[in-house]
Amino acid sequence: MQHSNLISDGLQLMLIGMSMVFIFLSVLVILTSLMQKILVTDSSNTNVVASNNQINQDEIAAVSAAVHQYRQNNSRD
């Protein structure tokens, strides 16, 4: 008799716990989607970089030199 009572209590506790997690996650998804709709007013106002803004050779050389110097100074040898 004692074992069936423990199994019954365990199953009941499992169902309650799983239900609470499911309810919590459902509420979290609903609130997150509501916050997205409230906070993101207009997605078409984002700044888009024009495709004609290309990096010139001087900028590439400067970045390459900086990376090379960083790697020389911070090598783990």
PDB file of N, CA and C in Angstrom:
ATOM      1  N   MET A   1       0.809  -1.200   0.000  1.00  0.00           N
ATOM      2  CA  MET A   1       0.000   0.000   0.000  1.00  0.00           C
ATOM      3  C   MET A   1       0.854   1.266   0.000  1.00  0.00           C
ATOM      4  N   GLN A   2       1.962   1.239   0.700  1.00  0.00           N
ATOM      5  CA  GLN A   2       2.807   2.414   0.823  1.00  0.00           C
ATOM      6  C   GLN A   2       3.432   2.800  -0.517  1.00  0.00           C
ATOM      7  N   HIS A   3       3.822   1.789  -1.341  1.00  0.00           N
ATOM      8  CA  HIS A   3       4.475   2.080  -2.613  1.00  0.00           C
ATOM      9  C   HIS A   3       3.517   2.746  -3.601  1.00  0.00           C
ATOM     10  N   SER A   4       2.299   2.274  -3.666  1.00  0.00           N
ATOM     11  CA  SER A   4       1.361   2.878  -4.609  1.00  0.00           C
ATOM     12  C   SER A   4       1.019   4.310  -4.212  1.00  0.00           C
ATOM     13  N   ASN A   5       1.006   4.581  -2.918  1.00  0.00           N
ATOM     14  CA  ASN A   5       0.755   5.941  -2.449  1.00  0.00           C
ATOM     15  C   ASN A   5       1.912   6.862  -2.832  1.00  0.00           C
ATOM     16  N   LEU A   6       3.153   6.372  -2.718  1.00  0.00           N
ATOM     17  CA  LEU A   6       4.310   7.170  -3.089  1.00  0.00           C
ATOM     18  C   LEU A   6       4.340   7.427  -4.595  1.00  0.00           C
ATOM     19  N   ILE A   7       3.992   6.406  -5.385  1.00  0.00           N
ATOM     20  CA  ILE A   7       3.967   6.571  -6.839  1.00  0.00           C
ATOM     21  C   ILE A   7       2.881   7.571  -7.223  1.00  0.00           C
ATOM     22  N   SER A   8       1.741   7.473  -6.598  1.00  0.00           N
ATOM     23  CA  SER A   8       0.653   8.398  -6.865  1.00  0.00           C
ATOM     24  C   SER A   8       1.054   9.831  -6.521  1.00  0.00           C
ATOM     25  N   ASP A   9       1.686  10.028  -5.365  1.00  0.00           N
ATOM     26  CA  ASP A   9       2.146  11.361  -4.973  1.00  0.00           C
ATOM     27  C   ASP A   9       3.211  11.870  -5.935  1.00  0.00           C
ATOM     28  N   GLY A  10       4.103  10.981  -6.367  1.00  0.00           N
ATOM     29  CA  GLY A  10       5.149  11.380  -7.303  1.00  0.00           C
ATOM     30  C   GLY A  10       4.579  11.809  -8.640  1.00  0.00           C
ATOM     31  N   LEU A  11       3.611  11.056  -9.147  1.00  0.00           N
ATOM     32  CA  LEU A  11       2.980  11.413 -10.418  1.00  0.00           C
ATOM     33  C   LEU A  11       2.222  12.731 -10.312  1.00  0.00           C
ATOM     34  N   GLN A  12       1.541  12.921  -9.198  1.00  0.00           N
ATOM     35  CA  GLN A  12       0.813  14.167  -8.995  1.00  0.00           C
ATOM     36  C   GLN A  12       1.774  15.355  -8.938  1.00  0.00           C
ATOM     37  N   LEU A  13       2.878  15.197  -8.221  1.00  0.00           N
ATOM     38  CA  LEU A  13       3.869  16.259  -8.128  1.00  0.00           C
ATOM     39  C   LEU A  13       4.495  16.542  -9.493  1.00  0.00           C
ATOM     40  N   MET A  14       4.741  15.489 -10.279  1.00  0.00           N
ATOM     41  CA  MET A  14       5.312  15.659 -11.612  1.00  0.00           C
ATOM     42  C   MET A  14       4.357  16.431 -12.517  1.00  0.00           C
ATOM     43  N   LEU A  15       3.086  16.089 -12.492  1.00  0.00           N
ATOM     44  CA  LEU A  15       2.106  16.776 -13.329  1.00  0.00           C
ATOM     45  C   LEU A  15       1.950  18.244 -12.927  1.00  0.00           C
ATOM     46  N   ILE A  16       1.943  18.504 -11.634  1.00  0.00           N
ATOM     47  CA  ILE A  16       1.836  19.887 -11.169  1.00  0.00           C
ATOM     48  C   ILE A  16       3.074  20.683 -11.595  1.00  0.00           C
ATOM     49  N   GLY A  17       4.251  20.109 -11.425  1.00  0.00           N
ATOM     50  CA  GLY A  17       5.485  20.798 -11.793  1.00  0.00           C
ATOM     51  C   GLY A  17       5.560  21.061 -13.292  1.00  0.00           C
ATOM     52  N   MET A  18       5.224  20.065 -14.101  1.00  0.00           N
ATOM     53  CA  MET A  18       5.270  20.247 -15.546  1.00  0.00           C
ATOM     54  C   MET A  18       4.231  21.257 -16.004  1.00  0.00           C
ATOM     55  N   SER A  19       3.085  21.264 -15.378  1.00  0.00           N
ATOM     56  CA  SER A  19       2.044  22.240 -15.727  1.00  0.00           C
ATOM     57  C   SER A  19       2.494  23.646 -15.389  1.00  0.00           C
ATOM     58  N   MET A  20       3.120  23.825 -14.243  1.00  0.00           N
ATOM     59  CA  MET A  20       3.578  25.151 -13.852  1.00  0.00           C
ATOM     60  C   MET A  20       4.665  25.661 -14.812  1.00  0.00           C
ATOM     61  N   VAL A  21       5.572  24.778 -15.213  1.00  0.00           N
ATOM     62  CA  VAL A  21       6.619  25.187 -16.156  1.00  0.00           C
ATOM     63  C   VAL A  21       5.990  25.551 -17.500  1.00  0.00           C
ATOM     64  N   PHE A  22       5.040  24.757 -17.965  1.00  0.00           N
ATOM     65  CA  PHE A  22       4.379  25.040 -19.235  1.00  0.00           C
ATOM     66  C   PHE A  22       3.649  26.382 -19.183  1.00  0.00           C
ATOM     67  N   ILE A  23       2.943  26.638 -18.092  1.00  0.00           N
ATOM     68  CA  ILE A  23       2.215  27.899 -17.947  1.00  0.00           C
ATOM     69  C   ILE A  23       3.195  29.073 -17.895  1.00  0.00           C
ATOM     70  N   PHE A  24       4.279  28.926 -17.145  1.00  0.00           N
ATOM     71  CA  PHE A  24       5.273  29.991 -17.048  1.00  0.00           C
ATOM     72  C   PHE A  24       5.884  30.298 -18.404  1.00  0.00           C
ATOM     73  N   LEU A  25       6.269  29.266 -19.159  1.00  0.00           N
ATOM     74  CA  LEU A  25       6.872  29.491 -20.470  1.00  0.00           C
ATOM     75  C   LEU A  25       5.869  30.092 -21.457  1.00  0.00           C
ATOM     76  N   SER A  26       4.613  29.688 -21.370  1.00  0.00           N
ATOM     77  CA  SER A  26       3.596  30.266 -22.244  1.00  0.00           C
ATOM     78  C   SER A  26       3.406  31.753 -21.957  1.00  0.00           C
ATOM     79  N   VAL A  27       3.340  32.110 -20.686  1.00  0.00           N
ATOM     80  CA  VAL A  27       3.200  33.511 -20.306  1.00  0.00           C
ATOM     81  C   VAL A  27       4.433  34.307 -20.743  1.00  0.00           C
ATOM     82  N   LEU A  28       5.609  33.699 -20.623  1.00  0.00           N
ATOM     83  CA  LEU A  28       6.841  34.363 -21.040  1.00  0.00           C
ATOM     84  C   LEU A  28       6.848  34.647 -22.539  1.00  0.00           C
ATOM     85  N   VAL A  29       6.396  33.696 -23.337  1.00  0.00           N
ATOM     86  CA  VAL A  29       6.335  33.893 -24.787  1.00  0.00           C
ATOM     87  C   VAL A  29       5.330  34.987 -25.133  1.00  0.00           C
ATOM     88  N   ILE A  30       4.185  34.974 -24.486  1.00  0.00           N
ATOM     89  CA  ILE A  30       3.155  35.976 -24.756  1.00  0.00           C
ATOM     90  C   ILE A  30       3.652  37.371 -24.376  1.00  0.00           C
ATOM     91  N   LEU A  31       4.255  37.505 -23.198  1.00  0.00           N
ATOM     92  CA  LEU A  31       4.750  38.812 -22.772  1.00  0.00           C
ATOM     93  C   LEU A  31       5.892  39.305 -23.654  1.00  0.00           C
ATOM     94  N   THR A  32       6.750  38.393 -24.084  1.00  0.00           N
ATOM     95  CA  THR A  32       7.855  38.787 -24.951  1.00  0.00           C
ATOM     96  C   THR A  32       7.347  39.287 -26.293  1.00  0.00           C
ATOM     97  N   SER A  33       6.383  38.613 -26.858  1.00  0.00           N
ATOM     98  CA  SER A  33       5.853  39.064 -28.145  1.00  0.00           C
ATOM     99  C   SER A  33       5.078  40.377 -27.991  1.00  0.00           C
ATOM    100  N   LEU A  34       4.386  40.575 -26.865  1.00  0.00           N
ATOM    101  CA  LEU A  34       3.720  41.854 -26.629  1.00  0.00           C
ATOM    102  C   LEU A  34       4.728  42.987 -26.463  1.00  0.00           C
ATOM    103  N   MET A  35       5.814  42.719 -25.748  1.00  0.00           N
ATOM    104  CA  MET A  35       6.845  43.743 -25.578  1.00  0.00           C
ATOM    105  C   MET A  35       7.488  44.087 -26.910  1.00  0.00           C
ATOM    106  N   GLN A  36       7.668  43.104 -27.769  1.00  0.00           N
ATOM    107  CA  GLN A  36       8.245  43.374 -29.080  1.00  0.00           C
ATOM    108  C   GLN A  36       7.334  44.281 -29.888  1.00  0.00           C
ATOM    109  N   LYS A  37       6.038  44.020 -29.850  1.00  0.00           N
ATOM    110  CA  LYS A  37       5.095  44.847 -30.598  1.00  0.00           C
ATOM    111  C   LYS A  37       5.008  46.259 -30.027  1.00  0.00           C
ATOM    112  N   ILE A  38       5.147  46.388 -28.721  1.00  0.00           N
ATOM    113  CA  ILE A  38       5.054  47.702 -28.088  1.00  0.00           C
ATOM    114  C   ILE A  38       6.342  48.495 -28.303  1.00  0.00           C
ATOM    115  N   LEU A  39       7.495  47.874 -28.095  1.00  0.00           N
ATOM    116  CA  LEU A  39       8.757  48.599 -28.135  1.00  0.00           C
ATOM    117  C   LEU A  39       9.268  48.847 -29.536  1.00  0.00           C
ATOM    118  N   VAL A  40       9.046  47.932 -30.440  1.00  0.00           N
ATOM    119  CA  VAL A  40       9.505  48.116 -31.816  1.00  0.00           C
ATOM    120  C   VAL A  40       8.369  48.781 -32.567  1.00  0.00           C
ATOM    121  N   THR A  41       8.486  50.085 -32.720  1.00  0.00           N
ATOM    122  CA  THR A  41       7.380  50.828 -33.316  1.00  0.00           C
ATOM    123  C   THR A  41       7.370  50.720 -34.827  1.00  0.00           C
ATOM    124  N   ASP A  42       8.535  50.922 -35.454  1.00  0.00           N
ATOM    125  CA  ASP A  42       8.563  50.884 -36.914  1.00  0.00           C
ATOM    126  C   ASP A  42       9.892  50.301 -37.355  1.00  0.00           C
ATOM    127  N   SER A  43       9.855  49.134 -37.955  1.00  0.00           N
ATOM    128  CA  SER A  43      11.090  48.470 -38.357  1.00  0.00           C
ATOM    129  C   SER A  43      11.619  49.012 -39.674  1.00  0.00           C
ATOM    130  N   SER A  44      10.834  49.820 -40.383  1.00  0.00           N
ATOM    131  CA  SER A  44      11.305  50.353 -41.664  1.00  0.00           C
ATOM    132  C   SER A  44      12.181  51.586 -41.480  1.00  0.00           C
ATOM    133  N   ASN A  45      12.327  52.097 -40.252  1.00  0.00           N
ATOM    134  CA  ASN A  45      13.137  53.279 -39.997  1.00  0.00           C
ATOM    135  C   ASN A  45      14.597  52.971 -39.712  1.00  0.00           C
ATOM    136  N   THR A  46      15.015  51.738 -39.884  1.00  0.00           N
ATOM    137  CA  THR A  46      16.392  51.392 -39.590  1.00  0.00           C
ATOM    138  C   THR A  46      17.317  51.987 -40.627  1.00  0.00           C
ATOM    139  N   ASN A  47      18.489  52.345 -40.198  1.00  0.00           N
ATOM    140  CA  ASN A  47      19.481  52.921 -41.111  1.00  0.00           C
ATOM    141  C   ASN A  47      20.140  51.810 -41.905  1.00  0.00           C
ATOM    142  N   VAL A  48      20.077  51.943 -43.212  1.00  0.00           N
ATOM    143  CA  VAL A  48      20.670  50.950 -44.093  1.00  0.00           C
ATOM    144  C   VAL A  48      21.873  51.588 -44.764  1.00  0.00           C
ATOM    145  N   VAL A  49      22.996  50.888 -44.685  1.00  0.00           N
ATOM    146  CA  VAL A  49      24.209  51.403 -45.300  1.00  0.00           C
ATOM    147  C   VAL A  49      24.107  51.182 -46.800  1.00  0.00           C
ATOM    148  N   ALA A  50      24.384  52.209 -47.553  1.00  0.00           N
ATOM    149  CA  ALA A  50      24.304  52.111 -49.011  1.00  0.00           C
ATOM    150  C   ALA A  50      25.411  51.207 -49.525  1.00  0.00           C
ATOM    151  N   SER A  51      25.138  50.539 -50.606  1.00  0.00           N
ATOM    152  CA  SER A  51      26.103  49.584 -51.145  1.00  0.00           C
ATOM    153  C   SER A  51      27.279  50.276 -51.814  1.00  0.00           C
ATOM    154  N   ASN A  52      27.173  51.576 -52.110  1.00  0.00           N
ATOM    155  CA  ASN A  52      28.270  52.270 -52.755  1.00  0.00           C
ATOM    156  C   ASN A  52      29.331  52.741 -51.764  1.00  0.00           C
ATOM    157  N   ASN A  53      29.120  52.552 -50.469  1.00  0.00           N
ATOM    158  CA  ASN A  53      30.117  52.901 -49.457  1.00  0.00           C
ATOM    159  C   ASN A  53      31.090  51.738 -49.314  1.00  0.00           C
ATOM    160  N   GLN A  54      32.136  51.754 -50.104  1.00  0.00           N
ATOM    161  CA  GLN A  54      33.115  50.681 -50.059  1.00  0.00           C
ATOM    162  C   GLN A  54      34.339  51.143 -49.290  1.00  0.00           C
ATOM    163  N   ILE A  55      35.033  50.191 -48.744  1.00  0.00           N
ATOM    164  CA  ILE A  55      36.240  50.490 -47.981  1.00  0.00           C
ATOM    165  C   ILE A  55      37.380  50.717 -48.965  1.00  0.00           C
ATOM    166  N   ASN A  56      38.107  51.802 -48.772  1.00  0.00           N
ATOM    167  CA  ASN A  56      39.221  52.066 -49.683  1.00  0.00           C
ATOM    168  C   ASN A  56      40.473  51.320 -49.228  1.00  0.00           C
ATOM    169  N   GLN A  57      41.499  51.347 -50.044  1.00  0.00           N
ATOM    170  CA  GLN A  57      42.726  50.581 -49.796  1.00  0.00           C
ATOM    171  C   GLN A  57      43.490  51.094 -48.577  1.00  0.00           C
ATOM    172  N   ASP A  58      43.423  52.384 -48.305  1.00  0.00           N
ATOM    173  CA  ASP A  58      44.115  52.934 -47.132  1.00  0.00           C
ATOM    174  C   ASP A  58      43.526  52.378 -45.832  1.00  0.00           C
ATOM    175  N   GLU A  59      42.202  52.259 -45.768  1.00  0.00           N
ATOM    176  CA  GLU A  59      41.559  51.714 -44.574  1.00  0.00           C
ATOM    177  C   GLU A  59      41.911  50.249 -44.390  1.00  0.00           C
ATOM    178  N   ILE A  60      41.956  49.500 -45.469  1.00  0.00           N
ATOM    179  CA  ILE A  60      42.325  48.086 -45.387  1.00  0.00           C
ATOM    180  C   ILE A  60      43.756  47.950 -44.882  1.00  0.00           C
ATOM    181  N   ALA A  61      44.652  48.783 -45.379  1.00  0.00           N
ATOM    182  CA  ALA A  61      46.046  48.730 -44.948  1.00  0.00           C
ATOM    183  C   ALA A  61      46.183  49.095 -43.471  1.00  0.00           C
ATOM    184  N   ALA A  62      45.435  50.095 -43.021  1.00  0.00           N
ATOM    185  CA  ALA A  62      45.502  50.512 -41.619  1.00  0.00           C
ATOM    186  C   ALA A  62      44.995  49.413 -40.696  1.00  0.00           C
ATOM    187  N   VAL A  63      43.891  48.778 -41.054  1.00  0.00           N
ATOM    188  CA  VAL A  63      43.338  47.706 -40.228  1.00  0.00           C
ATOM    189  C   VAL A  63      44.285  46.514 -40.220  1.00  0.00           C
ATOM    190  N   SER A  64      44.853  46.178 -41.360  1.00  0.00           N
ATOM    191  CA  SER A  64      45.787  45.051 -41.431  1.00  0.00           C
ATOM    192  C   SER A  64      47.021  45.303 -40.578  1.00  0.00           C
ATOM    193  N   ALA A  65      47.536  46.539 -40.629  1.00  0.00           N
ATOM    194  CA  ALA A  65      48.706  46.876 -39.817  1.00  0.00           C
ATOM    195  C   ALA A  65      48.378  46.807 -38.332  1.00  0.00           C
ATOM    196  N   ALA A  66      47.208  47.269 -37.958  1.00  0.00           N
ATOM    197  CA  ALA A  66      46.816  47.241 -36.538  1.00  0.00           C
ATOM    198  C   ALA A  66      46.663  45.806 -36.046  1.00  0.00           C
ATOM    199  N   VAL A  67      46.071  44.948 -36.860  1.00  0.00           N
ATOM    200  CA  VAL A  67      45.906  43.547 -36.466  1.00  0.00           C
ATOM    201  C   VAL A  67      47.271  42.870 -36.363  1.00  0.00           C
ATOM    202  N   HIS A  68      48.144  43.140 -37.305  1.00  0.00           N
ATOM    203  CA  HIS A  68      49.481  42.546 -37.286  1.00  0.00           C
ATOM    204  C   HIS A  68      50.248  42.977 -36.035  1.00  0.00           C
ATOM    205  N   GLN A  69      50.195  44.266 -35.711  1.00  0.00           N
ATOM    206  CA  GLN A  69      50.893  44.763 -34.525  1.00  0.00           C
ATOM    207  C   GLN A  69      50.292  44.169 -33.254  1.00  0.00           C
ATOM    208  N   TYR A  70      48.990  44.043 -33.186  1.00  0.00           N
ATOM    209  CA  TYR A  70      48.335  43.465 -32.017  1.00  0.00           C
ATOM    210  C   TYR A  70      48.773  42.017 -31.814  1.00  0.00           C
ATOM    211  N   ARG A  71      48.797  41.273 -32.913  1.00  0.00           N
ATOM    212  CA  ARG A  71      49.193  39.863 -32.818  1.00  0.00           C
ATOM    213  C   ARG A  71      50.647  39.712 -32.409  1.00  0.00           C
ATOM    214  N   GLN A  72      51.518  40.622 -32.845  1.00  0.00           N
ATOM    215  CA  GLN A  72      52.918  40.558 -32.453  1.00  0.00           C
ATOM    216  C   GLN A  72      53.085  40.862 -30.975  1.00  0.00           C
ATOM    217  N   ASN A  73      52.369  41.849 -30.479  1.00  0.00           N
ATOM    218  CA  ASN A  73      52.507  42.255 -29.083  1.00  0.00           C
ATOM    219  C   ASN A  73      51.831  41.295 -28.117  1.00  0.00           C
ATOM    220  N   ASN A  74      50.832  40.555 -28.562  1.00  0.00           N
ATOM    221  CA  ASN A  74      50.060  39.695 -27.661  1.00  0.00           C
ATOM    222  C   ASN A  74      50.186  38.226 -28.016  1.00  0.00           C
ATOM    223  N   SER A  75      51.300  37.829 -28.573  1.00  0.00           N
ATOM    224  CA  SER A  75      51.483  36.408 -28.890  1.00  0.00           C
ATOM    225  C   SER A  75      51.773  35.637 -27.611  1.00  0.00           C
ATOM    226  N   ARG A  76      51.411  34.371 -27.565  1.00  0.00           N
ATOM    227  CA  ARG A  76      51.557  33.551 -26.357  1.00  0.00           C
ATOM    228  C   ARG A  76      52.792  32.663 -26.415  1.00  0.00           C
ATOM    229  N   ASP A  77      53.749  33.010 -27.210  1.00  0.00           N
ATOM    230  CA  ASP A  77      54.956  32.192 -27.330  1.00  0.00           C
ATOM    231  C   ASP A  77      55.836  32.315 -26.132  1.00  0.00           C
TER     232      ASP A  77
END
